Structure formats: structure tokens, C-alpha cells
Amino acid sequence: WGEMPTAILEDAFRRCTDHLASQEVANGLYGFAVLDASWDTLEEATQISLHAALTRTIPTMAVQEISNVMYTLPILTFDTDYSVPYSTDSDVNNITNTSKPTKSKATKKSITVATNASIDSKNSTVNNNEATSRKRHSTELLWDIHRLLISRFLQIDPAHYNPENYDCFAIYFELMRALPYTRQLVLDVIHSQNNSNSMNGGDSNRTYYYSAIPEPSGPTAAIPSRLHASTVQVMQSHLQFESNELEVFHEFNGLHGVFAVDTAVFYRDELIALVEVDGESHYKQLSQQLRRKDKLKEFLYQQRYSVPLYRMRMDQISAIGASGAGRALASWIVKDLHLKNKDKSIEETQPLPEKPSPATTKKKRNSQSGV
């Protein structure tokens, strides 16, 4: 996003906002996410335009359009400061008509040095207040978009979902589960919908998104790529040489049906590390920065498990070889495990067992991800 003419792109979107149909609004939002924009990097005017466009179109969006928005919004907003509580007032006009901060007046050169210092201090305070006000306004817009989106989702009959919609819904609600205020917003909207249905004589006992989201499938024995296989095989042999209680599972699905991790490492049935072996598609070509979708994945796993996630890029593996990469991954994991055990009391844990023979047979483990 930083390598694009962002001001031109945002201005073009704002000029067309009032004329965009629901599919075009969903596609425009997706375009921002594909370019690795974040909600906080968008100009305030663009955030307001997106809010206005989504407010106008969400109530009539089809299943596929809602699915697209639910896929895009977590990528765009996962690193936004959701610690600002949402307002219980869902009146859109109260949000969009919030008074905008005004710029402080410049200090005149003719005043004394002491007065200059005083005014500079006041201006700094005013600027800080303006930044806080803008941040709160930005988050309130986002909360309202979430409220509208969840409400529309609850109105859609699950019988109308397509198989490809499930992952999009699951990614969205995985973010909603991750944080206290987002989780509470979902529950509040469901409660409000239940009350509305009850008052209107509808079915207040309707089962909502919980039944529509795939459950975790657990670890599998599949190895997704040759690059993954060659690196992880070396890592696994070194881990098992260190301890026969270190176990490796491929394609670990530790969330609710989405974002499987290449490899999970367990020690005595406890998840201690996650490993990703990444091809070029996971990174921006020019800067080698991780794409926002992968950052979202890291964020969700950290929120749920709080264990290290190690990454190896294809160019790094090419430089040191799969054998070197596997050894490096194993050494990082073992080092962190020793440090973790060192921090615990003797009553809580025992030292790692002596190194067994590399021929030690690995135990079988049930493919259930309830860690």
C-alpha cells in the first residue's frame, strides 16, 4: 500500500461512492485489502465514505457480497485499536455527523518567548486532543460497520450459503471471538435481533452463526508442499533426537476451520510452537514484508495460544538449504522450550529427558485440536 499512489486511489473511491452498487462497494473494500491497506492508514474522509457506502448497501447485499465484506474487513482492521468500547447508540447520523476537530491557530511571531512557550504547550495539548478525537471517531465508524454487517448476516438463511462462503464467515467471526469488545458486540446484536423477533412474533429461538461456522478439523497427516516437507523433515528428526516427547503435526488447524498452520510442535501434549514455511505468495515482492492476511493469521493464533510462531521464507531456505533451515528451526524451538522450563518451578516440570536414539518411534496422537 505504501508503494501505491494512495491519495489518488482514495480520492477516486470517494468521488464514486454515491454511485456504487452493493457489489462495487464490496469489491472496492476488497481492493483496499488486496493492496495491503489498513483501516488506520486510510484518510479520515475515506473511512467516512466507506461507512456511508456500506451503510447504504449492506441491508440489500446478497450472500456473496456479505461474504466478501466479511472476508475483507478482518484483513483491513485486525490491528485497529478495538480497546475503545463501542457505543450502544446505533444511530448512524450520530456517528457521521460527529463534529470534526478544528485546527489550532498559529502562534504569532511578535509575542514574547514566554508566551510562545505557553502557546506551544497549549497547541500540543490541542493536537493530542484532536488526534484522540479523530481516533475515537474512526473506531466508532468501524463499530457501526460491524453492527450493520452482523445484523445483515443474521437475516440470511444458512440454506443460501455456498461452500466457499464458509471460510469467509469463519475468518470474520474468528476475529470477533478474539477480542472482548468485538465478542460482546456479536452477542449484543444477536440479543437485539432475538428481542426484535420476539416483539414481532418471529422465532426468538433461531440458532445464529454458531451453527453456520465450520468446527476445527484438527491436525492432519498431509504435507502441503515439497518445500515444507524437506525442511520440516529435518526439523522433526532433530526435535525427536532431542526428546521423544517432542511431537510434530502437519497442517494444524487450531482455529475454527480456517487458517491451518504448516506445522505445530507439542511437548508432553502441550502446544509449544507453530512453524510456517512460506513461498513467495506470502510476501510483498519488493519489500519482503509479510502480507496482511498472514499477519491476521499470526494475530489470531497469538490471541488464542500465546506460543511462538516461527517463519522461514523460500529465499532463506534456498540460501542455507533445507537441512540448515530445519536445524535452525529445531534449535530455536528447543532453546525456547529450555527457557520456558527454566522459568517454572521444579514442582511444575522436570528437565528434558536425555537425548534418545534417532530411531525412536513417535507415538500416535488423536487428531483433535482442543489445545
Protein backbone atom coordinates (compact mmCIF):
# COMPACT_ATOMS: atom_id res chain seq x y z
CA TRP A 1 0.00 0.00 0.00
CA GLY A 2 2.87 2.35 0.78
CA GLU A 3 4.20 1.84 -2.76
CA MET A 4 0.92 2.89 -4.42
CA PRO A 5 -0.46 6.39 -5.23
CA THR A 6 -2.74 6.08 -2.25
CA ALA A 7 -4.09 9.65 -2.29
CA ILE A 8 -5.25 9.24 -5.91
CA LEU A 9 -6.85 5.85 -5.25
CA GLU A 10 -8.70 7.05 -2.16
CA ASP A 11 -9.86 10.22 -3.88
CA ALA A 12 -11.21 8.18 -6.82
CA PHE A 13 -13.16 5.95 -4.44
CA ARG A 14 -14.63 8.91 -2.57
CA ARG A 15 -15.78 10.61 -5.79
CA CYS A 16 -17.62 7.46 -6.89
CA THR A 17 -19.03 6.40 -3.52
CA ASP A 18 -22.57 7.70 -4.02
CA HIS A 19 -22.90 5.90 -7.36
CA LEU A 20 -21.55 2.47 -6.38
CA ALA A 21 -23.85 -0.55 -6.24
CA SER A 22 -23.50 -3.09 -3.43
CA GLN A 23 -21.19 -5.39 -5.41
CA GLU A 24 -18.97 -2.45 -6.34
CA VAL A 25 -18.74 -1.32 -2.72
CA ALA A 26 -17.75 -4.85 -1.64
CA ASN A 27 -15.19 -5.03 -4.45
CA GLY A 28 -13.79 -1.60 -3.57
CA LEU A 29 -13.30 -2.63 0.04
CA TYR A 30 -11.64 -5.85 -1.14
CA GLY A 31 -9.34 -3.80 -3.38
CA PHE A 32 -8.05 -1.82 -0.40
CA ALA A 33 -7.32 -5.06 1.46
CA VAL A 34 -5.59 -6.71 -1.51
CA LEU A 35 -3.27 -3.69 -1.72
CA ASP A 36 -2.40 -4.28 1.95
CA ALA A 37 -4.03 -1.12 3.22
CA SER A 38 -5.16 -0.97 6.84
CA TRP A 39 -8.12 0.88 8.29
CA ASP A 40 -5.82 3.19 10.27
CA THR A 41 -3.79 4.19 7.20
CA LEU A 42 -6.87 5.30 5.25
CA GLU A 43 -7.66 9.01 5.31
CA GLU A 44 -10.50 10.04 7.62
CA ALA A 45 -12.55 11.17 4.60
CA THR A 46 -12.14 7.70 3.05
CA GLN A 47 -13.24 6.00 6.27
CA ILE A 48 -16.36 8.19 6.32
CA SER A 49 -17.06 7.39 2.65
CA LEU A 50 -16.68 3.65 3.27
CA HIS A 51 -19.01 3.87 6.24
CA ALA A 52 -21.60 5.77 4.20
CA ALA A 53 -21.36 3.36 1.26
CA LEU A 54 -21.62 0.26 3.45
CA THR A 55 -24.49 1.74 5.46
CA ARG A 56 -26.37 2.32 2.24
CA THR A 57 -25.68 -1.06 0.64
CA ILE A 58 -25.28 -3.68 3.40
CA PRO A 59 -29.05 -4.00 4.06
CA THR A 60 -29.57 -5.21 0.46
CA MET A 61 -26.34 -7.14 -0.08
CA ALA A 62 -26.58 -10.69 -1.38
CA VAL A 63 -24.90 -13.62 0.37
CA GLN A 64 -21.77 -13.47 -1.78
CA GLU A 65 -21.34 -9.73 -1.18
CA ILE A 66 -21.73 -10.14 2.58
CA SER A 67 -19.23 -13.00 2.37
CA ASN A 68 -16.73 -10.76 0.53
CA VAL A 69 -17.07 -7.96 3.09
CA MET A 70 -16.72 -10.40 5.99
CA TYR A 71 -13.53 -11.76 4.44
CA THR A 72 -12.10 -8.30 3.77
CA LEU A 73 -12.88 -6.46 7.00
CA PRO A 74 -10.66 -8.59 9.29
CA ILE A 75 -7.68 -8.16 6.94
CA LEU A 76 -8.26 -4.42 6.85
CA THR A 77 -8.92 -3.88 10.55
CA PHE A 78 -7.37 -6.60 12.77
CA ASP A 79 -4.65 -4.23 14.07
CA THR A 80 -7.06 -1.37 14.76
CA ASP A 81 -7.33 -0.36 18.41
CA TYR A 82 -10.50 -2.21 19.37
CA SER A 83 -9.95 -1.29 23.03
CA VAL A 84 -12.23 1.72 22.50
CA PRO A 85 -15.67 0.49 23.62
CA TYR A 86 -18.45 0.69 21.06
CA SER A 87 -21.42 2.96 21.61
CA THR A 88 -24.78 1.41 22.37
CA ASP A 89 -26.36 4.08 20.18
CA SER A 90 -26.58 2.68 16.65
CA ASP A 91 -27.96 5.89 15.09
CA VAL A 92 -25.77 6.34 12.03
CA ASN A 93 -26.36 10.09 11.91
CA ASN A 94 -24.94 10.50 15.42
CA ILE A 95 -21.71 8.93 14.16
CA THR A 96 -21.30 10.51 10.75
CA ASN A 97 -22.28 13.96 12.00
CA THR A 98 -19.80 13.95 14.83
CA SER A 99 -18.13 17.32 14.90
CA LYS A 100 -14.72 17.19 13.28
CA PRO A 101 -11.67 18.55 15.12
CA THR A 102 -10.61 22.08 14.21
CA LYS A 103 -7.04 23.13 13.57
CA SER A 104 -5.35 25.23 16.22
CA LYS A 105 -4.41 28.79 15.33
CA ALA A 106 -0.77 29.50 14.54
CA THR A 107 1.33 31.38 17.07
CA LYS A 108 2.23 34.96 16.07
CA LYS A 109 5.91 35.78 15.85
CA SER A 110 5.52 39.09 17.62
CA ILE A 111 4.68 37.67 21.05
CA THR A 112 7.26 37.09 23.74
CA VAL A 113 9.33 33.92 24.14
CA ALA A 114 7.47 33.04 27.34
CA THR A 115 4.12 33.43 25.62
CA ASN A 116 5.40 31.35 22.69
CA ALA A 117 6.27 28.51 25.05
CA SER A 118 2.88 28.71 26.71
CA ILE A 119 1.01 28.68 23.41
CA ASP A 120 3.18 25.85 22.06
CA SER A 121 2.25 23.81 25.11
CA LYS A 122 -1.43 24.57 24.61
CA ASN A 123 -1.20 23.76 20.90
CA SER A 124 0.45 20.43 21.75
CA THR A 125 -2.40 19.62 24.11
CA VAL A 126 -4.96 20.64 21.48
CA ASN A 127 -3.22 18.49 18.85
CA ASN A 128 -3.21 15.50 21.20
CA ASN A 129 -6.90 16.02 21.89
CA GLU A 130 -7.60 16.27 18.17
CA ALA A 131 -5.72 13.02 17.50
CA THR A 132 -7.68 11.28 20.26
CA SER A 133 -10.95 12.65 18.89
CA ARG A 134 -10.12 11.51 15.34
CA LYS A 135 -9.13 8.06 16.61
CA ARG A 136 -12.35 7.66 18.55
CA HIS A 137 -14.43 8.84 15.58
CA SER A 138 -12.60 6.37 13.30
CA THR A 139 -13.27 3.48 15.69
CA GLU A 140 -16.94 4.46 16.10
CA LEU A 141 -17.37 4.29 12.32
CA LEU A 142 -15.84 0.83 12.34
CA TRP A 143 -18.04 -0.38 15.19
CA ASP A 144 -21.11 0.73 13.29
CA ILE A 145 -19.99 -1.11 10.16
CA HIS A 146 -19.56 -4.29 12.22
CA ARG A 147 -23.01 -3.84 13.78
CA LEU A 148 -24.66 -3.44 10.37
CA LEU A 149 -22.75 -6.38 8.91
CA ILE A 150 -23.60 -8.79 11.73
CA SER A 151 -27.26 -7.74 11.62
CA ARG A 152 -27.41 -8.43 7.89
CA PHE A 153 -25.64 -11.78 8.33
CA LEU A 154 -28.27 -12.87 10.85
CA GLN A 155 -31.01 -12.16 8.32
CA ILE A 156 -29.60 -14.57 5.74
CA ASP A 157 -30.91 -18.13 5.70
CA PRO A 158 -27.92 -20.52 6.05
CA ALA A 159 -29.55 -22.65 3.34
CA HIS A 160 -28.46 -19.94 0.87
CA TYR A 161 -24.75 -20.20 1.73
CA ASN A 162 -22.33 -21.55 -0.85
CA PRO A 163 -19.42 -23.77 0.27
CA GLU A 164 -16.90 -21.01 -0.48
CA ASN A 165 -18.76 -18.62 1.87
CA TYR A 166 -17.95 -20.64 4.97
CA ASP A 167 -14.26 -19.73 5.16
CA CYS A 168 -15.10 -16.04 4.76
CA PHE A 169 -17.67 -16.17 7.54
CA ALA A 170 -15.31 -18.20 9.74
CA ILE A 171 -12.43 -15.73 9.31
CA TYR A 172 -14.70 -12.83 10.27
CA PHE A 173 -16.10 -14.48 13.38
CA GLU A 174 -12.65 -15.73 14.38
CA LEU A 175 -11.64 -12.07 14.71
CA MET A 176 -14.87 -11.34 16.56
CA ARG A 177 -14.06 -14.14 19.03
CA ALA A 178 -10.53 -12.90 19.60
CA LEU A 179 -11.20 -9.65 21.47
CA PRO A 180 -13.51 -8.82 24.37
CA TYR A 181 -15.39 -5.89 22.82
CA THR A 182 -15.80 -7.50 19.40
CA ARG A 183 -17.09 -10.69 21.00
CA GLN A 184 -19.53 -8.69 23.11
CA LEU A 185 -20.76 -6.79 20.06
CA VAL A 186 -21.75 -10.05 18.35
CA LEU A 187 -23.65 -11.18 21.45
CA ASP A 188 -25.37 -7.81 21.78
CA VAL A 189 -26.50 -7.81 18.14
CA ILE A 190 -27.82 -11.37 18.48
CA HIS A 191 -29.64 -10.40 21.67
CA SER A 192 -31.12 -7.35 19.95
CA GLN A 193 -32.19 -9.49 16.99
CA ASN A 194 -33.80 -12.02 19.32
CA ASN A 195 -35.73 -9.29 21.09
CA SER A 196 -36.85 -7.82 17.78
CA ASN A 197 -38.03 -11.22 16.51
CA SER A 198 -39.88 -11.86 19.76
CA MET A 199 -41.65 -8.48 19.63
CA ASN A 200 -42.63 -9.08 16.01
CA GLY A 201 -43.90 -12.60 16.65
CA GLY A 202 -40.90 -14.23 14.98
CA ASP A 203 -38.82 -17.20 16.07
CA SER A 204 -36.77 -15.93 19.00
CA ASN A 205 -35.06 -19.32 19.36
CA ARG A 206 -33.34 -19.24 15.99
CA THR A 207 -29.80 -20.61 16.00
CA TYR A 208 -27.42 -17.97 14.68
CA TYR A 209 -23.88 -18.02 13.32
CA TYR A 210 -22.59 -20.72 15.70
CA SER A 211 -24.19 -23.47 13.61
CA ALA A 212 -23.07 -21.93 10.34
CA ILE A 213 -19.33 -21.86 11.06
CA PRO A 214 -17.21 -24.99 10.47
CA GLU A 215 -15.68 -26.53 13.59
CA PRO A 216 -11.93 -27.23 13.84
CA SER A 217 -10.85 -30.22 11.83
CA GLY A 218 -7.71 -30.83 13.92
CA PRO A 219 -4.20 -31.79 12.76
CA THR A 220 -3.82 -33.97 9.67
CA ALA A 221 -1.08 -36.11 8.23
CA ALA A 222 -0.95 -34.16 4.97
CA ILE A 223 2.24 -32.33 3.94
CA PRO A 224 1.28 -29.49 1.58
CA SER A 225 4.46 -28.91 -0.42
CA ARG A 226 7.93 -30.26 -1.23
CA LEU A 227 9.48 -27.17 0.34
CA HIS A 228 7.55 -27.77 3.54
CA ALA A 229 8.35 -31.49 3.53
CA SER A 230 12.10 -31.22 3.08
CA THR A 231 12.50 -28.52 5.75
CA VAL A 232 10.12 -29.97 8.33
CA GLN A 233 11.52 -33.48 7.93
CA VAL A 234 14.95 -32.27 9.06
CA MET A 235 13.40 -30.21 11.87
CA GLN A 236 11.38 -33.21 13.04
CA SER A 237 14.37 -35.56 13.15
CA HIS A 238 16.38 -33.07 15.22
CA LEU A 239 13.48 -32.49 17.62
CA GLN A 240 12.97 -36.23 18.13
CA PHE A 241 16.69 -36.66 18.72
CA GLU A 242 16.37 -34.04 21.48
CA SER A 243 13.35 -35.71 23.09
CA ASN A 244 10.88 -38.42 22.19
CA GLU A 245 8.21 -36.28 23.89
CA LEU A 246 8.51 -33.60 21.20
CA GLU A 247 5.87 -34.35 18.55
CA VAL A 248 5.22 -32.69 15.20
CA PHE A 249 1.84 -32.39 13.44
CA HIS A 250 1.31 -31.07 9.94
CA GLU A 251 -1.46 -28.74 8.78
CA PHE A 252 -2.52 -27.94 12.33
CA ASN A 253 -5.95 -26.31 12.35
CA GLY A 254 -6.10 -24.59 15.71
CA LEU A 255 -8.84 -22.10 14.90
CA HIS A 256 -12.45 -22.70 13.90
CA GLY A 257 -11.97 -24.30 10.50
CA VAL A 258 -9.68 -21.64 8.94
CA PHE A 259 -6.02 -20.70 8.67
CA ALA A 260 -4.25 -24.02 9.14
CA VAL A 261 -0.62 -23.68 10.22
CA ASP A 262 2.01 -25.70 8.36
CA THR A 263 3.35 -27.38 11.49
CA ALA A 264 2.59 -27.48 15.20
CA VAL A 265 5.07 -28.77 17.79
CA PHE A 266 3.86 -30.36 21.03
CA TYR A 267 5.83 -31.23 24.15
CA ARG A 268 4.10 -33.62 26.57
CA ASP A 269 0.78 -32.91 24.84
CA GLU A 270 1.19 -29.15 25.23
CA LEU A 271 1.42 -26.88 22.19
CA ILE A 272 4.77 -25.08 22.39
CA ALA A 273 5.45 -23.74 18.88
CA LEU A 274 3.98 -23.11 15.43
CA VAL A 275 6.00 -23.19 12.20
CA GLU A 276 5.24 -21.68 8.79
CA VAL A 277 7.31 -22.39 5.69
CA ASP A 278 6.37 -19.63 3.24
CA GLY A 279 6.53 -19.33 -0.51
CA GLU A 280 6.62 -16.05 -2.44
CA SER A 281 2.85 -15.53 -2.27
CA HIS A 282 3.06 -14.76 1.46
CA TYR A 283 5.24 -11.70 0.94
CA LYS A 284 5.27 -8.44 -0.99
CA GLN A 285 7.86 -8.89 -3.71
CA LEU A 286 9.65 -5.55 -3.34
CA SER A 287 9.96 -5.20 0.41
CA GLN A 288 9.75 -8.84 1.64
CA GLN A 289 7.13 -7.71 4.15
CA LEU A 290 4.58 -10.26 5.26
CA ARG A 291 1.16 -9.74 3.69
CA ARG A 292 -1.67 -8.56 5.90
CA LYS A 293 -3.64 -11.78 5.50
CA ASP A 294 -0.70 -13.68 7.01
CA LYS A 295 -0.35 -11.05 9.73
CA LEU A 296 -4.03 -11.56 10.55
CA LYS A 297 -3.37 -15.30 10.84
CA GLU A 298 -0.47 -14.66 13.23
CA PHE A 299 -2.61 -12.26 15.25
CA LEU A 300 -5.43 -14.78 15.68
CA TYR A 301 -3.11 -17.60 16.77
CA GLN A 302 -1.31 -15.32 19.21
CA GLN A 303 -4.62 -14.23 20.71
CA ARG A 304 -5.64 -17.84 21.25
CA TYR A 305 -2.41 -19.70 22.10
CA SER A 306 0.38 -17.25 23.01
CA VAL A 307 3.13 -19.53 21.66
CA PRO A 308 5.98 -18.60 19.31
CA LEU A 309 5.32 -18.77 15.58
CA TYR A 310 8.48 -19.30 13.52
CA ARG A 311 8.64 -18.42 9.82
CA MET A 312 11.06 -19.44 7.09
CA ARG A 313 10.89 -17.82 3.65
CA MET A 314 11.68 -19.74 0.49
CA ASP A 315 14.61 -17.46 -0.35
CA GLN A 316 16.06 -18.04 3.12
CA ILE A 317 15.78 -21.81 2.71
CA SER A 318 17.38 -21.57 -0.73
CA ALA A 319 20.30 -19.65 0.77
CA ILE A 320 21.07 -22.08 3.63
CA GLY A 321 19.45 -25.25 2.31
CA ALA A 322 16.52 -27.25 3.68
CA SER A 323 18.87 -29.09 6.05
CA GLY A 324 20.20 -25.85 7.53
CA ALA A 325 16.71 -24.38 7.79
CA GLY A 326 15.36 -27.45 9.55
CA ARG A 327 18.26 -27.49 12.03
CA ALA A 328 17.77 -23.78 12.74
CA LEU A 329 14.05 -24.20 13.40
CA ALA A 330 14.68 -27.14 15.73
CA SER A 331 17.35 -25.26 17.68
CA TRP A 332 15.07 -22.21 18.15
CA ILE A 333 12.23 -24.38 19.41
CA VAL A 334 14.40 -26.37 21.80
CA LYS A 335 16.08 -23.22 23.12
CA ASP A 336 12.73 -21.59 23.85
CA LEU A 337 11.48 -24.78 25.50
CA HIS A 338 14.52 -24.91 27.80
CA LEU A 339 14.00 -21.24 28.72
CA LYS A 340 10.32 -21.87 29.40
CA ASN A 341 11.07 -24.85 31.63
CA LYS A 342 13.79 -22.89 33.41
CA ASP A 343 11.23 -20.25 34.39
CA LYS A 344 8.97 -22.87 36.04
CA SER A 345 9.46 -24.30 39.48
CA ILE A 346 10.80 -27.83 39.97
CA GLU A 347 7.37 -28.91 41.18
CA GLU A 348 5.75 -27.84 37.90
CA THR A 349 8.11 -29.52 35.48
CA GLN A 350 11.13 -31.77 35.11
CA PRO A 351 14.19 -31.32 32.88
CA LEU A 352 14.05 -32.59 29.33
CA PRO A 353 14.90 -36.29 29.16
CA GLU A 354 18.24 -37.42 27.84
CA LYS A 355 18.60 -37.47 24.07
CA PRO A 356 17.19 -40.74 22.74
CA SER A 357 18.25 -42.64 19.70
CA PRO A 358 17.15 -41.01 16.41
CA ALA A 359 15.38 -44.28 15.65
CA THR A 360 12.85 -43.70 18.44
CA THR A 361 9.35 -44.35 17.19
CA LYS A 362 6.93 -41.44 17.53
CA LYS A 363 3.68 -42.08 19.36
CA LYS A 364 0.40 -41.72 17.61
CA ARG A 365 -1.84 -38.84 18.59
CA ASN A 366 -5.56 -38.28 18.15
CA SER A 367 -6.26 -35.61 15.51
CA GLN A 368 -8.16 -33.32 17.81
CA SER A 369 -7.18 -29.65 18.21
CA GLY A 370 -8.66 -28.90 21.61
CA VAL A 371 -5.43 -27.39 22.94
